Amino acid sequence: MKRVLLGFVLLLTLQANAQFNSKFIFVGIRGGANFSQLQTEGLSITRPGASTVDFFKNNSANRTGYVLGLYTRIGRKVFIQPEVLFSSKGGTFEIFKNGSTSPVNVDVKFSQIDIPVLLGFKLGPLRFNAGPMASLNVAQGDKLGDALRDYTSQNINKTIEQATFGYQAGIGLDIRSFNIDLRYEGGFSNISQLNLQNNAQFNSKVSLWQLTAGFVLF
């Protein structure tokens, strides 16, 4: 009797594995941590009778944030994976005021709705994926629901104009319904751009490492 029960359990396990491995579309959740840094292009202003002075400089300090959202994976060996993520990011930069040699550190924190679309392939349990990403800024203090209503109720062209663009690339590990991902995220667009006197500009882009764990819902 024990052998019969053991055989029945083994048969069910093999059948479940076969069904899981033959799936073509997966829907899941993923969440984890961002380790972000602001990349700034040094701001310089030339004044009459004065040399060029740098006011803003990069700071290597990272800010830890969080990321949480949904993904859909279409395909098995070769796949496309669109995602919608709520992501907290930020960084630190240094300001040198009035020619001072002692910098003042400024911490920046903001939230974005990220929409990456990744193309990847699997090699056993390992995944390799990369692709473009659009991000919609959520102003500090705004509620996520309010931001979503604004973006979904307005003309799509206006939403695209408000988006910044970047990319994600990384590796992942699948263990049945569980998965772990490590990605690098870089920006094509500036998250802020200030036009100052004498045609000077201060631009900043965000870059980060992202570590997440996920689970296939169905």
Protein backbone atom coordinates (compact mmCIF):
# COMPACT_ATOMS: atom_id res chain seq x y z
CA MET A 1 0.00 0.00 0.00
CA LYS A 2 2.83 2.39 0.86
CA ARG A 3 4.42 1.70 -2.53
CA VAL A 4 1.14 2.48 -4.28
CA LEU A 5 0.78 5.76 -2.39
CA LEU A 6 4.40 6.69 -3.06
CA GLY A 7 3.96 5.95 -6.75
CA PHE A 8 0.78 8.04 -6.87
CA VAL A 9 2.52 11.02 -5.22
CA LEU A 10 5.47 10.68 -7.61
CA LEU A 11 3.12 10.61 -10.59
CA LEU A 12 1.35 13.78 -9.42
CA THR A 13 4.69 15.51 -8.88
CA LEU A 14 5.94 14.62 -12.34
CA GLN A 15 2.66 15.78 -13.87
CA ALA A 16 2.83 19.10 -12.00
CA ASN A 17 6.43 19.63 -13.14
CA ALA A 18 5.47 18.86 -16.73
CA GLN A 19 2.60 21.34 -16.62
CA PHE A 20 4.80 24.04 -15.06
CA ASN A 21 7.60 23.51 -17.57
CA SER A 22 5.17 23.58 -20.51
CA LYS A 23 3.59 26.88 -19.53
CA PHE A 24 4.05 29.68 -22.05
CA ILE A 25 2.76 32.69 -20.07
CA PHE A 26 3.68 33.43 -16.46
CA VAL A 27 2.30 36.21 -14.23
CA GLY A 28 4.04 37.05 -10.99
CA ILE A 29 5.08 39.60 -8.42
CA ARG A 30 8.56 40.81 -7.53
CA GLY A 31 9.96 43.12 -4.88
CA GLY A 32 13.22 44.06 -3.27
CA ALA A 33 15.77 46.84 -2.86
CA ASN A 34 17.28 49.60 -5.02
CA PHE A 35 20.81 50.87 -4.38
CA SER A 36 20.77 54.10 -6.37
CA GLN A 37 23.11 56.96 -7.13
CA LEU A 38 22.65 60.29 -8.92
CA GLN A 39 24.98 60.99 -11.83
CA THR A 40 25.32 64.75 -12.35
CA GLU A 41 27.05 66.63 -15.09
CA GLY A 42 29.23 69.22 -13.35
CA LEU A 43 27.65 72.65 -13.35
CA SER A 44 29.99 75.51 -14.23
CA ILE A 45 29.25 79.21 -14.57
CA THR A 46 31.65 81.70 -16.15
CA ARG A 47 31.39 85.21 -14.74
CA PRO A 48 33.08 88.33 -16.09
CA GLY A 49 36.55 88.67 -14.62
CA ALA A 50 36.31 85.30 -12.81
CA SER A 51 37.44 81.79 -13.57
CA THR A 52 35.05 78.90 -14.10
CA VAL A 53 33.81 77.51 -10.79
CA ASP A 54 32.27 74.06 -10.31
CA PHE A 55 29.30 74.10 -7.94
CA PHE A 56 27.87 70.60 -8.24
CA LYS A 57 29.84 67.36 -8.10
CA ASN A 58 29.03 63.68 -7.94
CA ASN A 59 28.95 61.86 -4.64
CA SER A 60 29.58 58.12 -4.50
CA ALA A 61 27.07 57.63 -1.66
CA ASN A 62 24.20 55.26 -2.49
CA ARG A 63 20.62 55.59 -1.30
CA THR A 64 18.69 52.42 -0.48
CA GLY A 65 15.09 52.33 -1.67
CA TYR A 66 12.51 49.72 -2.48
CA VAL A 67 10.80 48.31 -5.57
CA LEU A 68 7.56 46.34 -5.85
CA GLY A 69 5.36 45.34 -8.77
CA LEU A 70 3.97 42.86 -11.27
CA TYR A 71 5.48 41.15 -14.30
CA THR A 72 4.31 38.98 -17.17
CA ARG A 73 6.72 36.61 -18.92
CA ILE A 74 5.74 35.38 -22.37
CA GLY A 75 7.82 32.47 -23.63
CA ARG A 76 10.06 29.79 -22.15
CA LYS A 77 13.59 29.60 -23.59
CA VAL A 78 13.33 32.96 -25.31
CA PHE A 79 10.91 35.37 -23.68
CA ILE A 80 9.64 38.91 -23.46
CA GLN A 81 8.87 40.28 -20.01
CA PRO A 82 6.92 43.55 -19.50
CA GLU A 83 6.67 44.84 -15.94
CA VAL A 84 4.98 47.60 -13.95
CA LEU A 85 6.94 48.58 -10.84
CA PHE A 86 6.68 51.18 -8.11
CA SER A 87 10.23 52.19 -7.31
CA SER A 88 11.82 54.44 -4.67
CA LYS A 89 15.13 55.99 -5.74
CA GLY A 90 17.50 58.81 -4.91
CA GLY A 91 21.05 59.78 -4.25
CA THR A 92 23.40 62.41 -2.91
CA PHE A 93 25.33 65.19 -4.58
CA GLU A 94 27.71 67.82 -3.27
CA ILE A 95 27.31 71.59 -3.54
CA PHE A 96 30.28 73.93 -3.24
CA LYS A 97 28.87 77.35 -2.34
CA ASN A 98 30.63 80.64 -3.12
CA GLY A 99 33.92 78.97 -3.94
CA SER A 100 34.07 77.12 -0.64
CA THR A 101 36.25 74.01 -0.48
CA SER A 102 33.91 72.35 2.02
CA PRO A 103 30.97 70.66 0.27
CA VAL A 104 27.40 70.52 1.51
CA ASN A 105 25.77 67.11 0.92
CA VAL A 106 22.23 67.20 -0.46
CA ASP A 107 20.09 64.05 -0.25
CA VAL A 108 17.50 63.52 -2.97
CA LYS A 109 14.64 61.02 -2.74
CA PHE A 110 11.86 60.44 -5.26
CA SER A 111 9.52 57.73 -6.52
CA GLN A 112 8.79 56.51 -10.04
CA ILE A 113 6.44 54.14 -11.81
CA ASP A 114 8.82 52.06 -13.95
CA ILE A 115 7.69 50.16 -17.05
CA PRO A 116 10.57 47.98 -18.34
CA VAL A 117 10.10 45.68 -21.33
CA LEU A 118 12.82 43.02 -21.24
CA LEU A 119 13.92 40.52 -23.86
CA GLY A 120 15.73 37.47 -22.51
CA PHE A 121 16.67 33.84 -22.79
CA LYS A 122 17.02 30.97 -20.35
CA LEU A 123 19.99 28.68 -19.91
CA GLY A 124 18.82 26.01 -17.50
CA PRO A 125 17.62 27.78 -14.33
CA LEU A 126 19.54 30.96 -15.28
CA ARG A 127 17.98 33.89 -17.10
CA PHE A 128 19.67 36.74 -18.99
CA ASN A 129 17.54 39.75 -19.88
CA ALA A 130 17.80 43.38 -20.97
CA GLY A 131 15.59 46.02 -22.46
CA PRO A 132 14.33 49.62 -22.47
CA MET A 133 12.36 51.21 -19.66
CA ALA A 134 10.02 54.20 -19.34
CA SER A 135 9.58 55.91 -15.96
CA LEU A 136 6.83 58.21 -14.77
CA ASN A 137 7.79 60.51 -11.92
CA VAL A 138 5.66 60.57 -8.78
CA ALA A 139 6.21 63.90 -7.06
CA GLN A 140 7.28 63.71 -3.44
CA GLY A 141 4.25 63.85 -1.17
CA ASP A 142 1.77 62.75 -3.85
CA LYS A 143 -0.22 59.60 -3.35
CA LEU A 144 0.34 56.75 -5.79
CA GLY A 145 -3.38 56.56 -6.55
CA ASP A 146 -3.51 60.27 -7.44
CA ALA A 147 -0.52 59.91 -9.75
CA LEU A 148 -2.06 56.89 -11.49
CA ARG A 149 -5.32 58.76 -12.03
CA ASP A 150 -3.45 61.69 -13.55
CA TYR A 151 -1.44 59.54 -15.91
CA THR A 152 -4.36 57.36 -17.03
CA SER A 153 -6.91 60.16 -17.45
CA GLN A 154 -4.79 62.50 -19.56
CA ASN A 155 -3.86 62.20 -23.24
CA ILE A 156 -1.32 59.43 -23.86
CA ASN A 157 0.97 61.84 -25.73
CA LYS A 158 1.22 64.03 -22.63
CA THR A 159 2.07 61.00 -20.48
CA ILE A 160 4.85 60.05 -22.92
CA GLU A 161 6.20 63.61 -22.82
CA GLN A 162 6.39 63.41 -19.02
CA ALA A 163 8.26 60.11 -19.03
CA THR A 164 11.99 59.61 -18.69
CA PHE A 165 13.72 56.73 -20.42
CA GLY A 166 16.44 54.28 -19.51
CA TYR A 167 17.29 50.60 -19.56
CA GLN A 168 17.66 47.56 -17.33
CA ALA A 169 19.96 44.57 -17.80
CA GLY A 170 20.78 41.65 -15.55
CA ILE A 171 20.62 37.99 -14.63
CA GLY A 172 18.06 35.88 -12.80
CA LEU A 173 17.64 32.48 -11.23
CA ASP A 174 14.41 30.45 -11.39
CA ILE A 175 13.61 27.77 -8.80
CA ARG A 176 10.17 26.57 -9.86
CA SER A 177 7.75 29.33 -8.80
CA PHE A 178 10.44 31.40 -7.06
CA ASN A 179 12.94 33.68 -8.77
CA ILE A 180 15.78 36.02 -7.86
CA ASP A 181 17.01 38.90 -10.04
CA LEU A 182 20.03 41.18 -10.02
CA ARG A 183 19.86 44.10 -12.46
CA TYR A 184 21.64 47.29 -13.36
CA GLU A 185 19.53 50.30 -14.32
CA GLY A 186 20.83 53.29 -16.24
CA GLY A 187 19.20 56.41 -17.60
CA PHE A 188 19.02 57.86 -21.10
CA SER A 189 17.02 60.90 -19.92
CA ASN A 190 17.74 63.45 -17.24
CA ILE A 191 15.47 63.24 -14.22
CA SER A 192 16.04 66.98 -13.77
CA GLN A 193 17.41 69.76 -15.92
CA LEU A 194 17.84 73.37 -14.87
CA ASN A 195 18.68 76.15 -17.33
CA LEU A 196 20.68 78.85 -15.55
CA GLN A 197 22.36 82.10 -16.47
CA ASN A 198 25.00 82.22 -19.23
CA ASN A 199 23.44 79.08 -20.80
CA ALA A 200 24.70 76.91 -17.92
CA GLN A 201 22.81 73.70 -17.24
CA PHE A 202 22.60 71.27 -14.35
CA ASN A 203 21.57 67.78 -15.43
CA SER A 204 21.21 64.61 -13.38
CA LYS A 205 20.53 60.98 -14.21
CA VAL A 206 19.90 58.07 -11.89
CA SER A 207 21.76 54.75 -11.95
CA LEU A 208 21.24 51.84 -9.60
CA TRP A 209 21.64 48.19 -8.77
CA GLN A 210 18.42 46.33 -8.05
CA LEU A 211 18.09 43.05 -6.12
CA THR A 212 14.64 41.43 -6.02
CA ALA A 213 12.86 38.19 -5.23
CA GLY A 214 9.71 37.12 -7.08
CA PHE A 215 6.99 34.52 -7.16
CA VAL A 216 4.89 33.16 -10.04
CA LEU A 217 1.22 33.62 -9.21
CA PHE A 218 -0.15 31.68 -12.19
